[in-house]
Amino acid sequence: MNIITVKDAQEGGQKAFNIFKEALADNAKVFGLATGSTPITLYEALTASDLDFSDKTSINLDEYVGLAPDNPQSYHYFMQQHLFNKKPFATSYVPDGLATDADAETQRYDDIIAANPIDLQILGIGRNGHIGFNEPGSPLTGKTHKVPLTQSTIDANARFFENEEDVPRFAYSMGIGSIMTAKHILLMAYGENKADAIQKMVEGPVTNHVPASALQNHNNVTIIVDEAAASKLSK
């Protein structure tokens, strides 16, 4: 794991942007994208740049079950607002939150990933060590699946909704096995509340109790953290 320590999320977004730019120069064609507050500074740097994705493909990690693409809390909507409206890709895939057949939807998404191998995968990390919506206990070799969200994840996401009961209880998510197929993984984390998860991911045992620890078994992982998120690392 290549760990880059930065002073704040703004610097982290610029470092991540440089990695994106290098990937494009190396002829990367498919980008795995994430939502949430962590990658926003990266997306701001991308939209302010002259980089062109009009012949590239994006594949998003996850989507809430039950939310339509035009719902302001959906991840489809988030991506439109923060990236796609200004930097469109030739094709952008996001799980269908309104799919009624979970097995068919997850198989459809696995087929998309198989047909479009991901060159660079962007990740954040949850306070409990989840990546995507792969909560503790998720199989480390799993593919796309419908996952029940833990209470800690529901609590963390409640700030985006008017009422806590409005937070979806399920999501469609790439599995850890799906994420591990990416050629290069770039994970970003900022703030003291991510320090435990970062320490366990980097220095703890590989265990499904800390889903992100599976990244120890990948041969090309870059981690961008601020000093607070890195504060519990021993070295």
C-alpha atoms as a PDB file:
ATOM      1  CA  MET A   1       0.000   0.000   0.000  1.00  0.00           C
ATOM      2  CA  ASN A   2       1.304   3.422  -0.981  1.00  0.00           C
ATOM      3  CA  ILE A   3       0.193   5.897   1.702  1.00  0.00           C
ATOM      4  CA  ILE A   4       0.182   9.616   0.912  1.00  0.00           C
ATOM      5  CA  THR A   5      -0.392  11.972   3.860  1.00  0.00           C
ATOM      6  CA  VAL A   6      -1.843  15.411   3.100  1.00  0.00           C
ATOM      7  CA  LYS A   7      -2.798  18.402   5.226  1.00  0.00           C
ATOM      8  CA  ASP A   8      -6.492  18.438   4.294  1.00  0.00           C
ATOM      9  CA  ALA A   9      -9.171  17.245   1.867  1.00  0.00           C
ATOM     10  CA  GLN A  10      -8.340  20.004  -0.629  1.00  0.00           C
ATOM     11  CA  GLU A  11      -4.762  18.826  -0.986  1.00  0.00           C
ATOM     12  CA  GLY A  12      -6.012  15.239  -1.030  1.00  0.00           C
ATOM     13  CA  GLY A  13      -8.364  16.023  -3.895  1.00  0.00           C
ATOM     14  CA  GLN A  14      -5.485  17.508  -5.878  1.00  0.00           C
ATOM     15  CA  LYS A  15      -3.292  14.455  -5.243  1.00  0.00           C
ATOM     16  CA  ALA A  16      -6.149  12.216  -6.357  1.00  0.00           C
ATOM     17  CA  PHE A  17      -6.650  14.387  -9.436  1.00  0.00           C
ATOM     18  CA  ASN A  18      -2.996  13.873 -10.379  1.00  0.00           C
ATOM     19  CA  ILE A  19      -3.488  10.111 -10.135  1.00  0.00           C
ATOM     20  CA  PHE A  20      -6.562  10.402 -12.384  1.00  0.00           C
ATOM     21  CA  LYS A  21      -4.536  12.417 -14.865  1.00  0.00           C
ATOM     22  CA  GLU A  22      -1.745   9.824 -14.865  1.00  0.00           C
ATOM     23  CA  ALA A  23      -4.275   7.049 -15.426  1.00  0.00           C
ATOM     24  CA  LEU A  24      -5.670   8.879 -18.445  1.00  0.00           C
ATOM     25  CA  ALA A  25      -2.161   9.348 -19.805  1.00  0.00           C
ATOM     26  CA  ASP A  26      -1.643   5.592 -19.398  1.00  0.00           C
ATOM     27  CA  ASN A  27      -4.762   5.007 -21.524  1.00  0.00           C
ATOM     28  CA  ALA A  28      -7.170   4.056 -18.728  1.00  0.00           C
ATOM     29  CA  LYS A  29     -10.635   3.556 -20.184  1.00  0.00           C
ATOM     30  CA  VAL A  30     -12.851   2.588 -17.228  1.00  0.00           C
ATOM     31  CA  PHE A  31     -13.125   4.431 -13.920  1.00  0.00           C
ATOM     32  CA  GLY A  32     -14.869   3.086 -10.823  1.00  0.00           C
ATOM     33  CA  LEU A  33     -16.460   5.967  -8.933  1.00  0.00           C
ATOM     34  CA  ALA A  34     -17.667   6.565  -5.383  1.00  0.00           C
ATOM     35  CA  THR A  35     -20.109   8.956  -3.740  1.00  0.00           C
ATOM     36  CA  GLY A  36     -20.173  10.660  -0.353  1.00  0.00           C
ATOM     37  CA  SER A  37     -18.337  13.696   0.985  1.00  0.00           C
ATOM     38  CA  THR A  38     -14.829  12.213   0.651  1.00  0.00           C
ATOM     39  CA  PRO A  39     -14.396  12.345  -3.161  1.00  0.00           C
ATOM     40  CA  ILE A  40     -16.013  15.777  -3.602  1.00  0.00           C
ATOM     41  CA  THR A  41     -12.688  17.656  -3.698  1.00  0.00           C
ATOM     42  CA  LEU A  42     -11.478  15.217  -6.367  1.00  0.00           C
ATOM     43  CA  TYR A  43     -14.611  15.808  -8.452  1.00  0.00           C
ATOM     44  CA  GLU A  44     -14.210  19.566  -8.038  1.00  0.00           C
ATOM     45  CA  ALA A  45     -10.669  19.312  -9.400  1.00  0.00           C
ATOM     46  CA  LEU A  46     -11.832  17.122 -12.292  1.00  0.00           C
ATOM     47  CA  THR A  47     -14.670  19.455 -13.301  1.00  0.00           C
ATOM     48  CA  ALA A  48     -12.339  22.480 -13.170  1.00  0.00           C
ATOM     49  CA  SER A  49      -9.808  20.757 -15.425  1.00  0.00           C
ATOM     50  CA  ASP A  50      -9.508  20.278 -19.166  1.00  0.00           C
ATOM     51  CA  LEU A  51      -9.491  16.477 -18.870  1.00  0.00           C
ATOM     52  CA  ASP A  52     -11.842  14.773 -21.317  1.00  0.00           C
ATOM     53  CA  PHE A  53     -13.860  11.662 -20.434  1.00  0.00           C
ATOM     54  CA  SER A  54     -16.157  11.721 -23.450  1.00  0.00           C
ATOM     55  CA  ASP A  55     -14.780   8.399 -24.701  1.00  0.00           C
ATOM     56  CA  LYS A  56     -14.443   6.774 -21.252  1.00  0.00           C
ATOM     57  CA  THR A  57     -16.704   4.592 -19.106  1.00  0.00           C
ATOM     58  CA  SER A  58     -17.602   5.025 -15.435  1.00  0.00           C
ATOM     59  CA  ILE A  59     -19.035   2.408 -13.098  1.00  0.00           C
ATOM     60  CA  ASN A  60     -20.351   3.490  -9.716  1.00  0.00           C
ATOM     61  CA  LEU A  61     -19.921   1.434  -6.582  1.00  0.00           C
ATOM     62  CA  ASP A  62     -23.431   1.482  -5.232  1.00  0.00           C
ATOM     63  CA  GLU A  63     -26.938   2.904  -5.007  1.00  0.00           C
ATOM     64  CA  TYR A  64     -29.690   2.971  -2.403  1.00  0.00           C
ATOM     65  CA  VAL A  65     -32.525   0.513  -2.940  1.00  0.00           C
ATOM     66  CA  GLY A  66     -35.818   2.318  -3.472  1.00  0.00           C
ATOM     67  CA  LEU A  67     -34.541   5.678  -4.737  1.00  0.00           C
ATOM     68  CA  ALA A  68     -35.158   6.850  -8.296  1.00  0.00           C
ATOM     69  CA  PRO A  69     -32.300   8.447 -10.268  1.00  0.00           C
ATOM     70  CA  ASP A  70     -33.898  11.899  -9.933  1.00  0.00           C
ATOM     71  CA  ASN A  71     -34.245  11.622  -6.144  1.00  0.00           C
ATOM     72  CA  PRO A  72     -31.873  14.239  -4.673  1.00  0.00           C
ATOM     73  CA  GLN A  73     -30.597  11.666  -2.161  1.00  0.00           C
ATOM     74  CA  SER A  74     -29.822   9.012  -4.783  1.00  0.00           C
ATOM     75  CA  TYR A  75     -26.243   8.358  -5.771  1.00  0.00           C
ATOM     76  CA  HIS A  76     -27.198   8.710  -9.426  1.00  0.00           C
ATOM     77  CA  TYR A  77     -28.307  12.289  -8.677  1.00  0.00           C
ATOM     78  CA  PHE A  78     -25.152  12.932  -6.637  1.00  0.00           C
ATOM     79  CA  MET A  79     -22.947  11.929  -9.563  1.00  0.00           C
ATOM     80  CA  GLN A  80     -24.894  14.122 -11.982  1.00  0.00           C
ATOM     81  CA  GLN A  81     -24.522  17.144  -9.701  1.00  0.00           C
ATOM     82  CA  HIS A  82     -20.873  16.664  -8.753  1.00  0.00           C
ATOM     83  CA  LEU A  83     -19.351  15.304 -11.951  1.00  0.00           C
ATOM     84  CA  PHE A  84     -21.398  14.094 -14.911  1.00  0.00           C
ATOM     85  CA  ASN A  85     -23.220  17.360 -15.687  1.00  0.00           C
ATOM     86  CA  LYS A  86     -19.849  19.032 -16.257  1.00  0.00           C
ATOM     87  CA  LYS A  87     -17.677  16.055 -17.246  1.00  0.00           C
ATOM     88  CA  PRO A  88     -19.823  13.502 -19.066  1.00  0.00           C
ATOM     89  CA  PHE A  89     -18.503  10.034 -19.792  1.00  0.00           C
ATOM     90  CA  ALA A  90     -19.402   8.095 -22.932  1.00  0.00           C
ATOM     91  CA  THR A  91     -21.273   5.636 -20.701  1.00  0.00           C
ATOM     92  CA  SER A  92     -21.941   5.831 -16.974  1.00  0.00           C
ATOM     93  CA  TYR A  93     -23.314   2.901 -15.018  1.00  0.00           C
ATOM     94  CA  VAL A  94     -25.036   3.197 -11.628  1.00  0.00           C
ATOM     95  CA  PRO A  95     -27.056   0.374 -10.029  1.00  0.00           C
ATOM     96  CA  ASP A  96     -30.807   0.712 -10.562  1.00  0.00           C
ATOM     97  CA  GLY A  97     -32.256   1.539  -7.168  1.00  0.00           C
ATOM     98  CA  LEU A  98     -35.776   0.817  -8.445  1.00  0.00           C
ATOM     99  CA  ALA A  99     -34.957  -2.680  -9.732  1.00  0.00           C
ATOM    100  CA  THR A 100     -37.534  -5.076  -8.320  1.00  0.00           C
ATOM    101  CA  ASP A 101     -35.588  -8.274  -9.036  1.00  0.00           C
ATOM    102  CA  ALA A 102     -32.447  -8.059  -6.906  1.00  0.00           C
ATOM    103  CA  ASP A 103     -30.864 -11.176  -8.392  1.00  0.00           C
ATOM    104  CA  ALA A 104     -31.336  -9.914 -11.951  1.00  0.00           C
ATOM    105  CA  GLU A 105     -29.987  -6.451 -11.085  1.00  0.00           C
ATOM    106  CA  THR A 106     -26.879  -7.739  -9.326  1.00  0.00           C
ATOM    107  CA  GLN A 107     -26.165 -10.157 -12.196  1.00  0.00           C
ATOM    108  CA  ARG A 108     -26.619  -7.304 -14.684  1.00  0.00           C
ATOM    109  CA  TYR A 109     -24.072  -5.239 -12.787  1.00  0.00           C
ATOM    110  CA  ASP A 110     -21.581  -8.094 -12.541  1.00  0.00           C
ATOM    111  CA  ASP A 111     -21.871  -8.526 -16.298  1.00  0.00           C
ATOM    112  CA  ILE A 112     -21.140  -4.800 -16.791  1.00  0.00           C
ATOM    113  CA  ILE A 113     -18.001  -5.013 -14.632  1.00  0.00           C
ATOM    114  CA  ALA A 114     -16.844  -8.165 -16.432  1.00  0.00           C
ATOM    115  CA  ALA A 115     -17.308  -6.480 -19.823  1.00  0.00           C
ATOM    116  CA  ASN A 116     -15.592  -3.253 -18.688  1.00  0.00           C
ATOM    117  CA  PRO A 117     -12.574  -4.086 -16.478  1.00  0.00           C
ATOM    118  CA  ILE A 118     -11.944  -1.168 -14.124  1.00  0.00           C
ATOM    119  CA  ASP A 119      -8.598   0.590 -14.534  1.00  0.00           C
ATOM    120  CA  LEU A 120      -8.861   2.943 -11.545  1.00  0.00           C
ATOM    121  CA  GLN A 121     -11.311   2.456  -8.665  1.00  0.00           C
ATOM    122  CA  ILE A 122     -12.078   5.328  -6.259  1.00  0.00           C
ATOM    123  CA  LEU A 123     -13.028   4.420  -2.679  1.00  0.00           C
ATOM    124  CA  GLY A 124     -13.893   6.066   0.585  1.00  0.00           C
ATOM    125  CA  ILE A 125     -14.060   4.139   3.849  1.00  0.00           C
ATOM    126  CA  GLY A 126     -16.746   3.968   6.511  1.00  0.00           C
ATOM    127  CA  ARG A 127     -16.045   4.370  10.209  1.00  0.00           C
ATOM    128  CA  ASN A 128     -16.685   0.640  10.600  1.00  0.00           C
ATOM    129  CA  GLY A 129     -14.258  -0.200   7.790  1.00  0.00           C
ATOM    130  CA  HIS A 130     -16.819  -0.694   5.044  1.00  0.00           C
ATOM    131  CA  ILE A 131     -15.995  -0.008   1.397  1.00  0.00           C
ATOM    132  CA  GLY A 132     -18.867   0.514  -0.995  1.00  0.00           C
ATOM    133  CA  PHE A 133     -21.748  -0.749   1.116  1.00  0.00           C
ATOM    134  CA  ASN A 134     -19.865  -3.909   2.093  1.00  0.00           C
ATOM    135  CA  GLU A 135     -20.563  -3.852   5.800  1.00  0.00           C
ATOM    136  CA  PRO A 136     -18.615  -5.885   8.392  1.00  0.00           C
ATOM    137  CA  GLY A 137     -19.303  -9.565   7.796  1.00  0.00           C
ATOM    138  CA  SER A 138     -19.454  -9.218   4.010  1.00  0.00           C
ATOM    139  CA  PRO A 139     -17.604 -11.984   2.139  1.00  0.00           C
ATOM    140  CA  LEU A 140     -14.205 -10.836   0.946  1.00  0.00           C
ATOM    141  CA  THR A 141     -14.715 -12.502  -2.429  1.00  0.00           C
ATOM    142  CA  GLY A 142     -18.323 -11.378  -2.952  1.00  0.00           C
ATOM    143  CA  LYS A 143     -19.714  -9.881  -6.127  1.00  0.00           C
ATOM    144  CA  THR A 144     -22.484  -7.302  -6.551  1.00  0.00           C
ATOM    145  CA  HIS A 145     -25.223  -7.857  -3.982  1.00  0.00           C
ATOM    146  CA  LYS A 146     -28.176  -6.334  -2.181  1.00  0.00           C
ATOM    147  CA  VAL A 147     -27.017  -5.502   1.313  1.00  0.00           C
ATOM    148  CA  PRO A 148     -28.849  -4.458   4.494  1.00  0.00           C
ATOM    149  CA  LEU A 149     -27.238  -1.351   5.964  1.00  0.00           C
ATOM    150  CA  THR A 150     -25.980  -1.402   9.539  1.00  0.00           C
ATOM    151  CA  GLN A 151     -27.346   1.067  12.064  1.00  0.00           C
ATOM    152  CA  SER A 152     -23.995   2.891  12.175  1.00  0.00           C
ATOM    153  CA  THR A 153     -24.151   3.472   8.409  1.00  0.00           C
ATOM    154  CA  ILE A 154     -27.796   4.556   8.615  1.00  0.00           C
ATOM    155  CA  ASP A 155     -26.838   6.974  11.400  1.00  0.00           C
ATOM    156  CA  ALA A 156     -23.902   8.338   9.381  1.00  0.00           C
ATOM    157  CA  ASN A 157     -26.126   8.950   6.351  1.00  0.00           C
ATOM    158  CA  ALA A 158     -29.087  10.370   8.269  1.00  0.00           C
ATOM    159  CA  ARG A 159     -27.684  13.913   8.015  1.00  0.00           C
ATOM    160  CA  PHE A 160     -28.531  13.881   4.308  1.00  0.00           C
ATOM    161  CA  PHE A 161     -32.221  13.105   4.913  1.00  0.00           C
ATOM    162  CA  GLU A 162     -35.033  15.076   6.500  1.00  0.00           C
ATOM    163  CA  ASN A 163     -35.825  12.264   8.938  1.00  0.00           C
ATOM    164  CA  GLU A 164     -33.787   9.241  10.045  1.00  0.00           C
ATOM    165  CA  GLU A 165     -36.634   6.953   9.040  1.00  0.00           C
ATOM    166  CA  ASP A 166     -36.270   8.204   5.459  1.00  0.00           C
ATOM    167  CA  VAL A 167     -32.791   6.680   5.134  1.00  0.00           C
ATOM    168  CA  PRO A 168     -32.986   3.551   2.956  1.00  0.00           C
ATOM    169  CA  ARG A 169     -32.298   0.281   4.759  1.00  0.00           C
ATOM    170  CA  PHE A 170     -30.810  -1.550   1.761  1.00  0.00           C
ATOM    171  CA  ALA A 171     -28.403  -0.784  -1.073  1.00  0.00           C
ATOM    172  CA  TYR A 172     -27.037  -2.451  -4.165  1.00  0.00           C
ATOM    173  CA  SER A 173     -23.257  -2.551  -3.969  1.00  0.00           C
ATOM    174  CA  MET A 174     -20.296  -3.928  -5.836  1.00  0.00           C
ATOM    175  CA  GLY A 175     -18.867  -6.707  -3.706  1.00  0.00           C
ATOM    176  CA  ILE A 176     -15.366  -6.710  -2.292  1.00  0.00           C
ATOM    177  CA  GLY A 177     -14.425  -9.302  -4.890  1.00  0.00           C
ATOM    178  CA  SER A 178     -15.713  -6.948  -7.611  1.00  0.00           C
ATOM    179  CA  ILE A 179     -13.657  -4.048  -6.200  1.00  0.00           C
ATOM    180  CA  MET A 180     -10.525  -6.193  -6.029  1.00  0.00           C
ATOM    181  CA  THR A 181     -10.618  -6.786  -9.797  1.00  0.00           C
ATOM    182  CA  ALA A 182      -9.666  -3.129 -10.444  1.00  0.00           C
ATOM    183  CA  LYS A 183      -6.118  -2.635 -11.692  1.00  0.00           C
ATOM    184  CA  HIS A 184      -5.448   0.315  -9.356  1.00  0.00           C
ATOM    185  CA  ILE A 185      -7.413   1.224  -6.224  1.00  0.00           C
ATOM    186  CA  LEU A 186      -7.346   4.755  -4.794  1.00  0.00           C
ATOM    187  CA  LEU A 187      -8.831   5.139  -1.298  1.00  0.00           C
ATOM    188  CA  MET A 188      -9.240   8.507   0.408  1.00  0.00           C
ATOM    189  CA  ALA A 189     -10.050   9.260   4.044  1.00  0.00           C
ATOM    190  CA  TYR A 190     -10.126  12.482   6.022  1.00  0.00           C
ATOM    191  CA  GLY A 191     -10.776  13.241   9.686  1.00  0.00           C
ATOM    192  CA  GLU A 192     -10.124  11.704  13.084  1.00  0.00           C
ATOM    193  CA  ASN A 193     -13.321   9.651  12.887  1.00  0.00           C
ATOM    194  CA  LYS A 194     -11.686   7.556  10.127  1.00  0.00           C
ATOM    195  CA  ALA A 195      -8.450   6.906  12.057  1.00  0.00           C
ATOM    196  CA  ASP A 196      -9.536   3.580  13.599  1.00  0.00           C
ATOM    197  CA  ALA A 197     -10.732   2.244  10.253  1.00  0.00           C
ATOM    198  CA  ILE A 198      -7.507   3.296   8.509  1.00  0.00           C
ATOM    199  CA  GLN A 199      -5.325   1.684  11.189  1.00  0.00           C
ATOM    200  CA  LYS A 200      -7.252  -1.599  11.028  1.00  0.00           C
ATOM    201  CA  MET A 201      -7.306  -1.564   7.223  1.00  0.00           C
ATOM    202  CA  VAL A 202      -3.534  -1.051   6.923  1.00  0.00           C
ATOM    203  CA  GLU A 203      -2.088  -2.761  10.012  1.00  0.00           C
ATOM    204  CA  GLY A 204      -4.731  -5.149  11.264  1.00  0.00           C
ATOM    205  CA  PRO A 205      -5.450  -8.711  10.141  1.00  0.00           C
ATOM    206  CA  VAL A 206      -7.310  -9.342   6.888  1.00  0.00           C
ATOM    207  CA  THR A 207     -10.820 -10.073   8.116  1.00  0.00           C
ATOM    208  CA  ASN A 208     -14.373  -9.559   6.960  1.00  0.00           C
ATOM    209  CA  HIS A 209     -14.957  -7.743  10.251  1.00  0.00           C
ATOM    210  CA  VAL A 210     -12.993  -4.904   8.598  1.00  0.00           C
ATOM    211  CA  PRO A 211     -13.960  -5.215   4.920  1.00  0.00           C
ATOM    212  CA  ALA A 212     -11.349  -2.693   3.739  1.00  0.00           C
ATOM    213  CA  SER A 213      -8.575  -4.917   5.143  1.00  0.00           C
ATOM    214  CA  ALA A 214      -9.024  -7.043   2.006  1.00  0.00           C
ATOM    215  CA  LEU A 215      -7.105  -4.315   0.178  1.00  0.00           C
ATOM    216  CA  GLN A 216      -3.924  -5.646   1.820  1.00  0.00           C
ATOM    217  CA  ASN A 217      -4.176  -8.465  -0.743  1.00  0.00           C
ATOM    218  CA  HIS A 218      -4.280  -6.126  -3.757  1.00  0.00           C
ATOM    219  CA  ASN A 219      -1.023  -5.333  -5.545  1.00  0.00           C
ATOM    220  CA  ASN A 220      -1.719  -1.681  -6.419  1.00  0.00           C
ATOM    221  CA  VAL A 221      -3.423   0.411  -3.730  1.00  0.00           C
ATOM    222  CA  THR A 222      -2.883   4.118  -3.080  1.00  0.00           C
ATOM    223  CA  ILE A 223      -4.246   5.620   0.146  1.00  0.00           C
ATOM    224  CA  ILE A 224      -4.619   9.379   0.571  1.00  0.00           C
ATOM    225  CA  VAL A 225      -5.192  10.446   4.184  1.00  0.00           C
ATOM    226  CA  ASP A 226      -4.934  13.630   6.153  1.00  0.00           C
ATOM    227  CA  GLU A 227      -2.919  13.692   9.380  1.00  0.00           C
ATOM    228  CA  ALA A 228      -5.994  13.094  11.513  1.00  0.00           C
ATOM    229  CA  ALA A 229      -7.032   9.973   9.588  1.00  0.00           C
ATOM    230  CA  ALA A 230      -3.440   8.701   9.719  1.00  0.00           C
ATOM    231  CA  SER A 231      -3.006   9.458  13.413  1.00  0.00           C
ATOM    232  CA  LYS A 232      -3.323   5.864  14.675  1.00  0.00           C
ATOM    233  CA  LEU A 233      -0.933   4.291  12.178  1.00  0.00           C
ATOM    234  CA  SER A 234       2.208   3.012  13.914  1.00  0.00           C
ATOM    235  CA  LYS A 235       4.483   4.152  11.089  1.00  0.00           C
END
